[in-house]
């Protein structure tokens, strides 16, 4: 699922769902992709794929709350 400490963009929605526990509020792949391209949070582009090192900026950007 991860490449080192990086999470491929295609796995980010599932990973966020585990953190927030509310499937209905999880942003879609396209929403996350658009945000990355627009520079909303840090991501790395390598070999045609986007990777994230940390999901916290994504959770914060979309106004989600981590489950306790």
Protein backbone atom coordinates (compact mmCIF):
# COMPACT_ATOMS: atom_id res chain seq x y z
CA UNK A 1 0.00 0.00 0.00
CA UNK A 2 2.80 2.41 0.74
CA UNK A 3 6.12 3.08 -0.91
CA UNK A 4 8.35 3.71 2.09
CA UNK A 5 6.42 6.26 4.10
CA UNK A 6 4.51 7.46 1.05
CA UNK A 7 0.88 6.71 0.29
CA UNK A 8 -0.12 6.56 -3.40
CA UNK A 9 -2.96 8.93 -4.25
CA UNK A 10 -5.14 5.99 -5.32
CA UNK A 11 -5.06 4.70 -1.72
CA UNK A 12 -5.61 8.03 0.04
CA UNK A 13 -9.44 7.95 0.24
CA UNK A 14 -9.36 4.51 1.93
CA UNK A 15 -6.61 5.62 4.30
CA UNK A 16 -8.59 8.75 5.25
CA UNK A 17 -11.70 6.65 5.85
CA UNK A 18 -9.76 4.67 8.45
CA UNK A 19 -8.69 7.88 10.17
CA UNK A 20 -12.04 9.69 10.23
CA UNK A 21 -14.40 6.71 10.34
CA UNK A 22 -17.11 8.55 8.36
CA UNK A 23 -17.27 7.17 4.82
CA UNK A 24 -19.79 9.79 3.70
CA UNK A 25 -17.46 12.68 4.50
CA UNK A 26 -14.35 11.26 2.82
CA UNK A 27 -13.31 13.28 -0.25
CA UNK A 28 -13.18 11.45 -3.55
CA UNK A 29 -10.02 10.64 -5.49
CA UNK A 30 -10.83 13.47 -7.92
CA UNK A 31 -11.33 16.02 -5.14
CA UNK A 32 -8.00 15.07 -3.59
CA UNK A 33 -6.25 15.06 -6.98
CA UNK A 34 -7.56 18.54 -7.84
CA UNK A 35 -6.41 19.84 -4.47
CA UNK A 36 -2.92 18.41 -4.98
CA UNK A 37 -2.61 19.92 -8.46
CA UNK A 38 -3.77 23.28 -7.07
CA UNK A 39 -1.13 23.11 -4.31
CA UNK A 40 -3.46 22.77 -1.33
CA UNK A 41 -1.09 20.41 0.48
CA UNK A 42 2.33 18.82 -0.11
CA UNK A 43 2.64 15.84 -2.43
CA UNK A 44 5.36 14.23 -4.52
CA UNK A 45 5.04 13.35 -8.19
CA UNK A 46 7.17 10.42 -9.33
CA UNK A 47 6.93 8.20 -12.41
CA UNK A 48 3.51 9.58 -13.29
CA UNK A 49 1.99 9.04 -9.83
CA UNK A 50 1.23 11.31 -6.90
CA UNK A 51 2.27 10.31 -3.38
CA UNK A 52 1.54 11.79 0.03
CA UNK A 53 3.75 11.46 3.08
CA UNK A 54 1.20 12.69 5.61
CA UNK A 55 -2.59 12.56 5.61
CA UNK A 56 -3.07 15.19 8.32
CA UNK A 57 -2.91 18.16 5.88
CA UNK A 58 -5.55 16.46 3.71
CA UNK A 59 -7.82 15.79 6.69
CA UNK A 60 -7.42 19.40 7.83
CA UNK A 61 -7.92 20.87 4.34
CA UNK A 62 -11.24 19.06 3.90
CA UNK A 63 -12.39 19.98 7.43
CA UNK A 64 -12.57 16.41 8.68
CA UNK A 65 -12.04 15.27 12.25
CA UNK A 66 -9.95 12.28 13.23
CA UNK A 67 -11.84 9.68 15.23
CA UNK A 68 -10.76 9.26 18.81
